[in-house]
Amino acid sequence: MPVRETALELVQAHREVEPNLLRVLFYPDPQDREVRLVEVVEGSPSAGEALPFRFARDEAGGVPYPVVIVELSPAEFEQLERGHLRLPEGWREDGREVLYRAA
């Protein structure tokens, strides 16, 4: 299963368990070795930095790649959009794709 397809499945699963999910952005890994997502969650505490949470791949659970999620509050996402907050090393804006946006 391609990395992007895995990301789409993860977004669907996260939407089912996180009612405050506002937006999910996919940042492609140039080497297609991991899924990289930014999740904007209403009520998420603001850490003032983009802290990545890393998860090992879970072949039995249908996730064949490691997953890295950066959860941001809406205020932190605004900081990211303005260039005042930085994502982990190697995450590039080109190719970024919105996979989910709350209505």
PDB file of N, CA and C in Angstrom:
ATOM      1  N   MET A   1       0.847  -1.179   0.000  1.00  0.00           N
ATOM      2  CA  MET A   1       0.000   0.000   0.000  1.00  0.00           C
ATOM      3  C   MET A   1       0.894   1.245   0.000  1.00  0.00           C
ATOM      4  N   PRO A   2       0.642   2.181  -0.888  1.00  0.00           N
ATOM      5  CA  PRO A   2       1.442   3.410  -0.931  1.00  0.00           C
ATOM      6  C   PRO A   2       1.283   4.253   0.345  1.00  0.00           C
ATOM      7  N   VAL A   3       2.278   5.095   0.597  1.00  0.00           N
ATOM      8  CA  VAL A   3       2.292   5.933   1.796  1.00  0.00           C
ATOM      9  C   VAL A   3       1.045   6.818   1.859  1.00  0.00           C
ATOM     10  N   ARG A   4       0.683   7.456   0.755  1.00  0.00           N
ATOM     11  CA  ARG A   4      -0.469   8.357   0.763  1.00  0.00           C
ATOM     12  C   ARG A   4      -1.753   7.613   1.089  1.00  0.00           C
ATOM     13  N   GLU A   5      -1.931   6.421   0.551  1.00  0.00           N
ATOM     14  CA  GLU A   5      -3.125   5.614   0.859  1.00  0.00           C
ATOM     15  C   GLU A   5      -3.170   5.284   2.343  1.00  0.00           C
ATOM     16  N   THR A   6      -2.027   4.948   2.907  1.00  0.00           N
ATOM     17  CA  THR A   6      -1.952   4.674   4.342  1.00  0.00           C
ATOM     18  C   THR A   6      -2.364   5.920   5.122  1.00  0.00           C
ATOM     19  N   ALA A   7      -1.893   7.081   4.680  1.00  0.00           N
ATOM     20  CA  ALA A   7      -2.252   8.341   5.334  1.00  0.00           C
ATOM     21  C   ALA A   7      -3.761   8.560   5.293  1.00  0.00           C
ATOM     22  N   LEU A   8      -4.383   8.320   4.153  1.00  0.00           N
ATOM     23  CA  LEU A   8      -5.834   8.500   4.034  1.00  0.00           C
ATOM     24  C   LEU A   8      -6.592   7.579   4.987  1.00  0.00           C
ATOM     25  N   GLU A   9      -6.142   6.356   5.132  1.00  0.00           N
ATOM     26  CA  GLU A   9      -6.784   5.424   6.056  1.00  0.00           C
ATOM     27  C   GLU A   9      -6.612   5.884   7.500  1.00  0.00           C
ATOM     28  N   LEU A  10      -5.432   6.397   7.829  1.00  0.00           N
ATOM     29  CA  LEU A  10      -5.205   6.914   9.182  1.00  0.00           C
ATOM     30  C   LEU A  10      -6.097   8.115   9.474  1.00  0.00           C
ATOM     31  N   VAL A  11      -6.261   8.988   8.497  1.00  0.00           N
ATOM     32  CA  VAL A  11      -7.120  10.158   8.682  1.00  0.00           C
ATOM     33  C   VAL A  11      -8.550   9.707   8.981  1.00  0.00           C
ATOM     34  N   GLN A  12      -9.037   8.749   8.232  1.00  0.00           N
ATOM     35  CA  GLN A  12     -10.392   8.243   8.472  1.00  0.00           C
ATOM     36  C   GLN A  12     -10.517   7.680   9.884  1.00  0.00           C
ATOM     37  N   ALA A  13      -9.543   6.908  10.310  1.00  0.00           N
ATOM     38  CA  ALA A  13      -9.577   6.326  11.662  1.00  0.00           C
ATOM     39  C   ALA A  13      -9.517   7.416  12.731  1.00  0.00           C
ATOM     40  N   HIS A  14      -8.704   8.429  12.517  1.00  0.00           N
ATOM     41  CA  HIS A  14      -8.579   9.508  13.504  1.00  0.00           C
ATOM     42  C   HIS A  14      -9.851  10.340  13.568  1.00  0.00           C
ATOM     43  N   ARG A  15     -10.514  10.533  12.450  1.00  0.00           N
ATOM     44  CA  ARG A  15     -11.783  11.274  12.440  1.00  0.00           C
ATOM     45  C   ARG A  15     -12.830  10.566  13.285  1.00  0.00           C
ATOM     46  N   GLU A  16     -12.790   9.243  13.301  1.00  0.00           N
ATOM     47  CA  GLU A  16     -13.772   8.467  14.062  1.00  0.00           C
ATOM     48  C   GLU A  16     -13.564   8.569  15.564  1.00  0.00           C
ATOM     49  N   VAL A  17     -12.336   8.810  16.001  1.00  0.00           N
ATOM     50  CA  VAL A  17     -12.049   8.830  17.446  1.00  0.00           C
ATOM     51  C   VAL A  17     -11.755  10.219  17.998  1.00  0.00           C
ATOM     52  N   GLU A  18     -11.562  11.205  17.132  1.00  0.00           N
ATOM     53  CA  GLU A  18     -11.218  12.562  17.583  1.00  0.00           C
ATOM     54  C   GLU A  18     -12.256  13.553  17.062  1.00  0.00           C
ATOM     55  N   PRO A  19     -13.281  13.840  17.873  1.00  0.00           N
ATOM     56  CA  PRO A  19     -14.343  14.735  17.407  1.00  0.00           C
ATOM     57  C   PRO A  19     -13.887  16.178  17.209  1.00  0.00           C
ATOM     58  N   ASN A  20     -12.773  16.565  17.810  1.00  0.00           N
ATOM     59  CA  ASN A  20     -12.293  17.939  17.700  1.00  0.00           C
ATOM     60  C   ASN A  20     -11.267  18.136  16.585  1.00  0.00           C
ATOM     61  N   LEU A  21     -11.123  17.130  15.729  1.00  0.00           N
ATOM     62  CA  LEU A  21     -10.173  17.221  14.623  1.00  0.00           C
ATOM     63  C   LEU A  21     -10.681  18.240  13.603  1.00  0.00           C
ATOM     64  N   LEU A  22      -9.874  19.261  13.344  1.00  0.00           N
ATOM     65  CA  LEU A  22     -10.273  20.327  12.428  1.00  0.00           C
ATOM     66  C   LEU A  22      -9.655  20.193  11.038  1.00  0.00           C
ATOM     67  N   ARG A  23      -8.428  19.685  11.003  1.00  0.00           N
ATOM     68  CA  ARG A  23      -7.705  19.650   9.727  1.00  0.00           C
ATOM     69  C   ARG A  23      -6.574  18.633   9.840  1.00  0.00           C
ATOM     70  N   VAL A  24      -6.299  17.961   8.716  1.00  0.00           N
ATOM     71  CA  VAL A  24      -5.144  17.062   8.637  1.00  0.00           C
ATOM     72  C   VAL A  24      -4.415  17.361   7.341  1.00  0.00           C
ATOM     73  N   LEU A  25      -3.112  17.595   7.472  1.00  0.00           N
ATOM     74  CA  LEU A  25      -2.267  17.855   6.307  1.00  0.00           C
ATOM     75  C   LEU A  25      -1.236  16.741   6.184  1.00  0.00           C
ATOM     76  N   PHE A  26      -1.039  16.313   4.954  1.00  0.00           N
ATOM     77  CA  PHE A  26      -0.067  15.263   4.634  1.00  0.00           C
ATOM     78  C   PHE A  26       1.172  15.923   4.049  1.00  0.00           C
ATOM     79  N   TYR A  27       2.322  15.592   4.591  1.00  0.00           N
ATOM     80  CA  TYR A  27       3.606  16.078   4.083  1.00  0.00           C
ATOM     81  C   TYR A  27       4.349  14.871   3.526  1.00  0.00           C
ATOM     82  N   PRO A  28       4.485  14.767   2.220  1.00  0.00           N
ATOM     83  CA  PRO A  28       5.122  13.579   1.653  1.00  0.00           C
ATOM     84  C   PRO A  28       6.588  13.452   2.047  1.00  0.00           C
ATOM     85  N   ASP A  29       6.964  12.238   2.348  1.00  0.00           N
ATOM     86  CA  ASP A  29       8.362  11.897   2.607  1.00  0.00           C
ATOM     87  C   ASP A  29       8.995  11.630   1.243  1.00  0.00           C
ATOM     88  N   PRO A  30      10.037  12.379   0.869  1.00  0.00           N
ATOM     89  CA  PRO A  30      10.643  12.188  -0.458  1.00  0.00           C
ATOM     90  C   PRO A  30      11.079  10.751  -0.727  1.00  0.00           C
ATOM     91  N   GLN A  31      11.379   9.994   0.324  1.00  0.00           N
ATOM     92  CA  GLN A  31      11.815   8.606   0.134  1.00  0.00           C
ATOM     93  C   GLN A  31      10.704   7.594   0.382  1.00  0.00           C
ATOM     94  N   ASP A  32       9.484   8.082   0.653  1.00  0.00           N
ATOM     95  CA  ASP A  32       8.327   7.202   0.895  1.00  0.00           C
ATOM     96  C   ASP A  32       8.600   6.143   1.954  1.00  0.00           C
ATOM     97  N   ARG A  33       9.255   6.560   3.034  1.00  0.00           N
ATOM     98  CA  ARG A  33       9.556   5.612   4.116  1.00  0.00           C
ATOM     99  C   ARG A  33       8.655   5.773   5.323  1.00  0.00           C
ATOM    100  N   GLU A  34       7.946   6.933   5.437  1.00  0.00           N
ATOM    101  CA  GLU A  34       7.087   7.140   6.596  1.00  0.00           C
ATOM    102  C   GLU A  34       5.909   8.037   6.212  1.00  0.00           C
ATOM    103  N   VAL A  35       4.856   7.939   7.011  1.00  0.00           N
ATOM    104  CA  VAL A  35       3.687   8.798   6.865  1.00  0.00           C
ATOM    105  C   VAL A  35       3.916  10.011   7.758  1.00  0.00           C
ATOM    106  N   ARG A  36       3.744  11.217   7.204  1.00  0.00           N
ATOM    107  CA  ARG A  36       3.937  12.457   7.960  1.00  0.00           C
ATOM    108  C   ARG A  36       2.641  13.257   7.928  1.00  0.00           C
ATOM    109  N   LEU A  37       2.065  13.485   9.112  1.00  0.00           N
ATOM    110  CA  LEU A  37       0.802  14.209   9.199  1.00  0.00           C
ATOM    111  C   LEU A  37       0.886  15.343  10.213  1.00  0.00           C
ATOM    112  N   VAL A  38       0.244  16.443   9.894  1.00  0.00           N
ATOM    113  CA  VAL A  38      -0.016  17.512  10.854  1.00  0.00           C
ATOM    114  C   VAL A  38      -1.513  17.473  11.119  1.00  0.00           C
ATOM    115  N   GLU A  39      -1.881  17.322  12.395  1.00  0.00           N
ATOM    116  CA  GLU A  39      -3.283  17.308  12.775  1.00  0.00           C
ATOM    117  C   GLU A  39      -3.570  18.540  13.618  1.00  0.00           C
ATOM    118  N   VAL A  40      -4.581  19.298  13.213  1.00  0.00           N
ATOM    119  CA  VAL A  40      -5.005  20.479  13.958  1.00  0.00           C
ATOM    120  C   VAL A  40      -6.236  20.069  14.763  1.00  0.00           C
ATOM    121  N   VAL A  41      -6.103  20.180  16.102  1.00  0.00           N
ATOM    122  CA  VAL A  41      -7.146  19.688  16.994  1.00  0.00           C
ATOM    123  C   VAL A  41      -7.582  20.806  17.936  1.00  0.00           C
ATOM    124  N   GLU A  42      -8.881  21.119  17.902  1.00  0.00           N
ATOM    125  CA  GLU A  42      -9.453  22.107  18.821  1.00  0.00           C
ATOM    126  C   GLU A  42      -9.297  21.577  20.248  1.00  0.00           C
ATOM    127  N   GLY A  43      -8.770  22.414  21.125  1.00  0.00           N
ATOM    128  CA  GLY A  43      -8.576  22.011  22.515  1.00  0.00           C
ATOM    129  C   GLY A  43      -7.220  21.405  22.799  1.00  0.00           C
ATOM    130  N   SER A  44      -6.416  21.225  21.771  1.00  0.00           N
ATOM    131  CA  SER A  44      -5.063  20.701  21.972  1.00  0.00           C
ATOM    132  C   SER A  44      -4.245  21.750  22.720  1.00  0.00           C
ATOM    133  N   PRO A  45      -3.487  21.333  23.731  1.00  0.00           N
ATOM    134  CA  PRO A  45      -2.671  22.320  24.448  1.00  0.00           C
ATOM    135  C   PRO A  45      -1.582  22.889  23.541  1.00  0.00           C
ATOM    136  N   SER A  46      -1.288  24.154  23.719  1.00  0.00           N
ATOM    137  CA  SER A  46      -0.249  24.812  22.926  1.00  0.00           C
ATOM    138  C   SER A  46       1.105  24.624  23.600  1.00  0.00           C
ATOM    139  N   ALA A  47       2.001  23.959  22.897  1.00  0.00           N
ATOM    140  CA  ALA A  47       3.350  23.737  23.413  1.00  0.00           C
ATOM    141  C   ALA A  47       4.304  24.823  22.936  1.00  0.00           C
ATOM    142  N   GLY A  48       3.885  25.579  21.925  1.00  0.00           N
ATOM    143  CA  GLY A  48       4.742  26.619  21.378  1.00  0.00           C
ATOM    144  C   GLY A  48       5.784  26.089  20.418  1.00  0.00           C
ATOM    145  N   GLU A  49       5.727  24.792  20.134  1.00  0.00           N
ATOM    146  CA  GLU A  49       6.631  24.180  19.164  1.00  0.00           C
ATOM    147  C   GLU A  49       5.941  22.973  18.550  1.00  0.00           C
ATOM    148  N   ALA A  50       6.423  22.558  17.401  1.00  0.00           N
ATOM    149  CA  ALA A  50       5.854  21.414  16.687  1.00  0.00           C
ATOM    150  C   ALA A  50       6.567  20.147  17.147  1.00  0.00           C
ATOM    151  N   LEU A  51       5.934  19.438  18.069  1.00  0.00           N
ATOM    152  CA  LEU A  51       6.541  18.231  18.629  1.00  0.00           C
ATOM    153  C   LEU A  51       6.035  16.997  17.882  1.00  0.00           C
ATOM    154  N   PRO A  52       6.936  16.253  17.254  1.00  0.00           N
ATOM    155  CA  PRO A  52       6.502  15.059  16.530  1.00  0.00           C
ATOM    156  C   PRO A  52       6.295  13.867  17.469  1.00  0.00           C
ATOM    157  N   PHE A  53       5.211  13.140  17.240  1.00  0.00           N
ATOM    158  CA  PHE A  53       4.962  11.875  17.924  1.00  0.00           C
ATOM    159  C   PHE A  53       5.226  10.787  16.901  1.00  0.00           C
ATOM    160  N   ARG A  54       6.104   9.865  17.242  1.00  0.00           N
ATOM    161  CA  ARG A  54       6.507   8.811  16.302  1.00  0.00           C
ATOM    162  C   ARG A  54       5.914   7.473  16.728  1.00  0.00           C
ATOM    163  N   PHE A  55       5.381   6.763  15.745  1.00  0.00           N
ATOM    164  CA  PHE A  55       4.782   5.458  15.965  1.00  0.00           C
ATOM    165  C   PHE A  55       5.429   4.464  15.011  1.00  0.00           C
ATOM    166  N   ALA A  56       5.741   3.294  15.529  1.00  0.00           N
ATOM    167  CA  ALA A  56       6.325   2.240  14.693  1.00  0.00           C
ATOM    168  C   ALA A  56       5.265   1.714  13.735  1.00  0.00           C
ATOM    169  N   ARG A  57       5.708   1.134  12.653  1.00  0.00           N
ATOM    170  CA  ARG A  57       4.751   0.532  11.726  1.00  0.00           C
ATOM    171  C   ARG A  57       4.024  -0.601  12.445  1.00  0.00           C
ATOM    172  N   ASP A  58       2.846  -0.911  11.977  1.00  0.00           N
ATOM    173  CA  ASP A  58       2.002  -1.935  12.591  1.00  0.00           C
ATOM    174  C   ASP A  58       1.413  -2.785  11.473  1.00  0.00           C
ATOM    175  N   GLU A  59       2.201  -3.716  10.988  1.00  0.00           N
ATOM    176  CA  GLU A  59       1.775  -4.559   9.861  1.00  0.00           C
ATOM    177  C   GLU A  59       0.452  -5.260  10.167  1.00  0.00           C
ATOM    178  N   ALA A  60       0.309  -5.793  11.387  1.00  0.00           N
ATOM    179  CA  ALA A  60      -0.920  -6.507  11.748  1.00  0.00           C
ATOM    180  C   ALA A  60      -2.117  -5.565  11.753  1.00  0.00           C
ATOM    181  N   GLY A  61      -1.901  -4.297  12.089  1.00  0.00           N
ATOM    182  CA  GLY A  61      -2.977  -3.316  12.121  1.00  0.00           C
ATOM    183  C   GLY A  61      -3.197  -2.612  10.801  1.00  0.00           C
ATOM    184  N   GLY A  62      -2.455  -3.001   9.771  1.00  0.00           N
ATOM    185  CA  GLY A  62      -2.646  -2.427   8.454  1.00  0.00           C
ATOM    186  C   GLY A  62      -1.889  -1.130   8.213  1.00  0.00           C
ATOM    187  N   VAL A  63      -0.870  -0.865   9.033  1.00  0.00           N
ATOM    188  CA  VAL A  63      -0.069   0.355   8.857  1.00  0.00           C
ATOM    189  C   VAL A  63       1.368  -0.083   8.547  1.00  0.00           C
ATOM    190  N   PRO A  64       1.710  -0.194   7.258  1.00  0.00           N
ATOM    191  CA  PRO A  64       3.000  -0.752   6.874  1.00  0.00           C
ATOM    192  C   PRO A  64       4.187   0.215   6.951  1.00  0.00           C
ATOM    193  N   TYR A  65       3.943   1.443   7.427  1.00  0.00           N
ATOM    194  CA  TYR A  65       5.015   2.441   7.522  1.00  0.00           C
ATOM    195  C   TYR A  65       5.045   3.031   8.926  1.00  0.00           C
ATOM    196  N   PRO A  66       6.206   3.503   9.361  1.00  0.00           N
ATOM    197  CA  PRO A  66       6.210   4.313  10.584  1.00  0.00           C
ATOM    198  C   PRO A  66       5.377   5.566  10.328  1.00  0.00           C
ATOM    199  N   VAL A  67       4.791   6.105  11.402  1.00  0.00           N
ATOM    200  CA  VAL A  67       3.927   7.281  11.293  1.00  0.00           C
ATOM    201  C   VAL A  67       4.469   8.364  12.214  1.00  0.00           C
ATOM    202  N   VAL A  68       4.528   9.587  11.701  1.00  0.00           N
ATOM    203  CA  VAL A  68       4.927  10.741  12.497  1.00  0.00           C
ATOM    204  C   VAL A  68       3.776  11.741  12.443  1.00  0.00           C
ATOM    205  N   ILE A  69       3.259  12.098  13.631  1.00  0.00           N
ATOM    206  CA  ILE A  69       2.150  13.040  13.722  1.00  0.00           C
ATOM    207  C   ILE A  69       2.585  14.239  14.549  1.00  0.00           C
ATOM    208  N   VAL A  70       2.343  15.425  14.019  1.00  0.00           N
ATOM    209  CA  VAL A  70       2.527  16.664  14.761  1.00  0.00           C
ATOM    210  C   VAL A  70       1.123  17.195  15.026  1.00  0.00           C
ATOM    211  N   GLU A  71       0.735  17.213  16.304  1.00  0.00           N
ATOM    212  CA  GLU A  71      -0.582  17.733  16.666  1.00  0.00           C
ATOM    213  C   GLU A  71      -0.435  19.189  17.078  1.00  0.00           C
ATOM    214  N   LEU A  72      -1.238  20.038  16.473  1.00  0.00           N
ATOM    215  CA  LEU A  72      -1.180  21.471  16.749  1.00  0.00           C
ATOM    216  C   LEU A  72      -2.545  21.997  17.170  1.00  0.00           C
ATOM    217  N   SER A  73      -2.536  22.998  18.026  1.00  0.00           N
ATOM    218  CA  SER A  73      -3.758  23.729  18.326  1.00  0.00           C
ATOM    219  C   SER A  73      -4.041  24.648  17.138  1.00  0.00           C
ATOM    220  N   PRO A  74      -5.250  25.177  17.019  1.00  0.00           N
ATOM    221  CA  PRO A  74      -5.516  26.126  15.934  1.00  0.00           C
ATOM    222  C   PRO A  74      -4.568  27.331  15.968  1.00  0.00           C
ATOM    223  N   ALA A  75      -4.240  27.824  17.151  1.00  0.00           N
ATOM    224  CA  ALA A  75      -3.318  28.968  17.263  1.00  0.00           C
ATOM    225  C   ALA A  75      -1.927  28.590  16.769  1.00  0.00           C
ATOM    226  N   GLU A  76      -1.474  27.384  17.096  1.00  0.00           N
ATOM    227  CA  GLU A  76      -0.161  26.939  16.624  1.00  0.00           C
ATOM    228  C   GLU A  76      -0.166  26.763  15.111  1.00  0.00           C
ATOM    229  N   PHE A  77      -1.284  26.289  14.570  1.00  0.00           N
ATOM    230  CA  PHE A  77      -1.367  26.134  13.119  1.00  0.00           C
ATOM    231  C   PHE A  77      -1.243  27.493  12.441  1.00  0.00           C
ATOM    232  N   GLU A  78      -1.863  28.508  13.006  1.00  0.00           N
ATOM    233  CA  GLU A  78      -1.725  29.864  12.468  1.00  0.00           C
ATOM    234  C   GLU A  78      -0.264  30.309  12.515  1.00  0.00           C
ATOM    235  N   GLN A  79       0.428  29.983  13.593  1.00  0.00           N
ATOM    236  CA  GLN A  79       1.858  30.313  13.696  1.00  0.00           C
ATOM    237  C   GLN A  79       2.644  29.584  12.614  1.00  0.00           C
ATOM    238  N   LEU A  80       2.309  28.335  12.369  1.00  0.00           N
ATOM    239  CA  LEU A  80       2.970  27.560  11.313  1.00  0.00           C
ATOM    240  C   LEU A  80       2.746  28.217   9.954  1.00  0.00           C
ATOM    241  N   GLU A  81       1.506  28.605   9.680  1.00  0.00           N
ATOM    242  CA  GLU A  81       1.180  29.219   8.398  1.00  0.00           C
ATOM    243  C   GLU A  81       1.903  30.549   8.207  1.00  0.00           C
ATOM    244  N   ARG A  82       2.168  31.250   9.279  1.00  0.00           N
ATOM    245  CA  ARG A  82       2.856  32.539   9.199  1.00  0.00           C
ATOM    246  C   ARG A  82       4.379  32.392   9.215  1.00  0.00           C
ATOM    247  N   GLY A  83       4.855  31.163   9.387  1.00  0.00           N
ATOM    248  CA  GLY A  83       6.294  30.923   9.391  1.00  0.00           C
ATOM    249  C   GLY A  83       6.950  31.125  10.743  1.00  0.00           C
ATOM    250  N   HIS A  84       6.146  31.204  11.811  1.00  0.00           N
ATOM    251  CA  HIS A  84       6.693  31.406  13.152  1.00  0.00           C
ATOM    252  C   HIS A  84       6.886  30.096  13.914  1.00  0.00           C
ATOM    253  N   LEU A  85       6.458  29.005  13.327  1.00  0.00           N
ATOM    254  CA  LEU A  85       6.602  27.683  13.931  1.00  0.00           C
ATOM    255  C   LEU A  85       7.194  26.768  12.873  1.00  0.00           C
ATOM    256  N   ARG A  86       8.139  25.939  13.267  1.00  0.00           N
ATOM    257  CA  ARG A  86       8.830  25.071  12.311  1.00  0.00           C
ATOM    258  C   ARG A  86       8.467  23.619  12.533  1.00  0.00           C
ATOM    259  N   LEU A  87       8.309  22.914  11.425  1.00  0.00           N
ATOM    260  CA  LEU A  87       8.070  21.471  11.474  1.00  0.00           C
ATOM    261  C   LEU A  87       9.403  20.744  11.588  1.00  0.00           C
ATOM    262  N   PRO A  88       9.375  19.436  11.846  1.00  0.00           N
ATOM    263  CA  PRO A  88      10.630  18.682  11.961  1.00  0.00           C
ATOM    264  C   PRO A  88      11.504  18.812  10.709  1.00  0.00           C
ATOM    265  N   GLU A  89      12.778  18.616  10.901  1.00  0.00           N
ATOM    266  CA  GLU A  89      13.760  18.658   9.815  1.00  0.00           C
ATOM    267  C   GLU A  89      13.315  17.753   8.667  1.00  0.00           C
ATOM    268  N   GLY A  90      13.355  18.282   7.454  1.00  0.00           N
ATOM    269  CA  GLY A  90      13.035  17.490   6.269  1.00  0.00           C
ATOM    270  C   GLY A  90      11.586  17.572   5.812  1.00  0.00           C
ATOM    271  N   TRP A  91      10.708  18.180   6.611  1.00  0.00           N
ATOM    272  CA  TRP A  91       9.314  18.338   6.200  1.00  0.00           C
ATOM    273  C   TRP A  91       9.233  19.579   5.332  1.00  0.00           C
ATOM    274  N   ARG A  92       8.833  19.400   4.094  1.00  0.00           N
ATOM    275  CA  ARG A  92       8.816  20.516   3.146  1.00  0.00           C
ATOM    276  C   ARG A  92       7.392  20.873   2.757  1.00  0.00           C
ATOM    277  N   GLU A  93       7.189  22.144   2.449  1.00  0.00           N
ATOM    278  CA  GLU A  93       5.874  22.653   2.053  1.00  0.00           C
ATOM    279  C   GLU A  93       5.447  22.147   0.674  1.00  0.00           C
ATOM    280  N   ASP A  94       6.414  21.980  -0.233  1.00  0.00           N
ATOM    281  CA  ASP A  94       6.031  21.539  -1.577  1.00  0.00           C
ATOM    282  C   ASP A  94       5.482  20.114  -1.498  1.00  0.00           C
ATOM    283  N   GLY A  95       4.339  19.926  -2.076  1.00  0.00           N
ATOM    284  CA  GLY A  95       3.692  18.625  -2.041  1.00  0.00           C
ATOM    285  C   GLY A  95       2.729  18.455  -0.881  1.00  0.00           C
ATOM    286  N   ARG A  96       2.693  19.431   0.020  1.00  0.00           N
ATOM    287  CA  ARG A  96       1.780  19.362   1.158  1.00  0.00           C
ATOM    288  C   ARG A  96       0.356  19.278   0.641  1.00  0.00           C
ATOM    289  N   GLU A  97      -0.452  18.458   1.297  1.00  0.00           N
ATOM    290  CA  GLU A  97      -1.819  18.243   0.825  1.00  0.00           C
ATOM    291  C   GLU A  97      -2.788  18.182   2.011  1.00  0.00           C
ATOM    292  N   VAL A  98      -3.890  18.892   1.903  1.00  0.00           N
ATOM    293  CA  VAL A  98      -4.926  18.817   2.929  1.00  0.00           C
ATOM    294  C   VAL A  98      -5.732  17.560   2.666  1.00  0.00           C
ATOM    295  N   LEU A  99      -5.715  16.635   3.627  1.00  0.00           N
ATOM    296  CA  LEU A  99      -6.476  15.389   3.487  1.00  0.00           C
ATOM    297  C   LEU A  99      -7.833  15.467   4.156  1.00  0.00           C
ATOM    298  N   TYR A 100      -7.962  16.400   5.108  1.00  0.00           N
ATOM    299  CA  TYR A 100      -9.250  16.560   5.797  1.00  0.00           C
ATOM    300  C   TYR A 100      -9.362  17.991   6.297  1.00  0.00           C
ATOM    301  N   ARG A 101     -10.561  18.544   6.158  1.00  0.00           N
ATOM    302  CA  ARG A 101     -10.882  19.858   6.715  1.00  0.00           C
ATOM    303  C   ARG A 101     -12.315  19.796   7.210  1.00  0.00           C
ATOM    304  N   ALA A 102     -12.533  20.130   8.480  1.00  0.00           N
ATOM    305  CA  ALA A 102     -13.873  20.120   9.046  1.00  0.00           C
ATOM    306  C   ALA A 102     -14.746  21.132   8.310  1.00  0.00           C
ATOM    307  N   ALA A 103     -16.007  20.790   8.180  1.00  0.00           N
ATOM    308  CA  ALA A 103     -16.946  21.675   7.479  1.00  0.00           C
ATOM    309  C   ALA A 103     -17.245  22.938   8.262  1.00  0.00           C
TER     310      ALA A 103
END
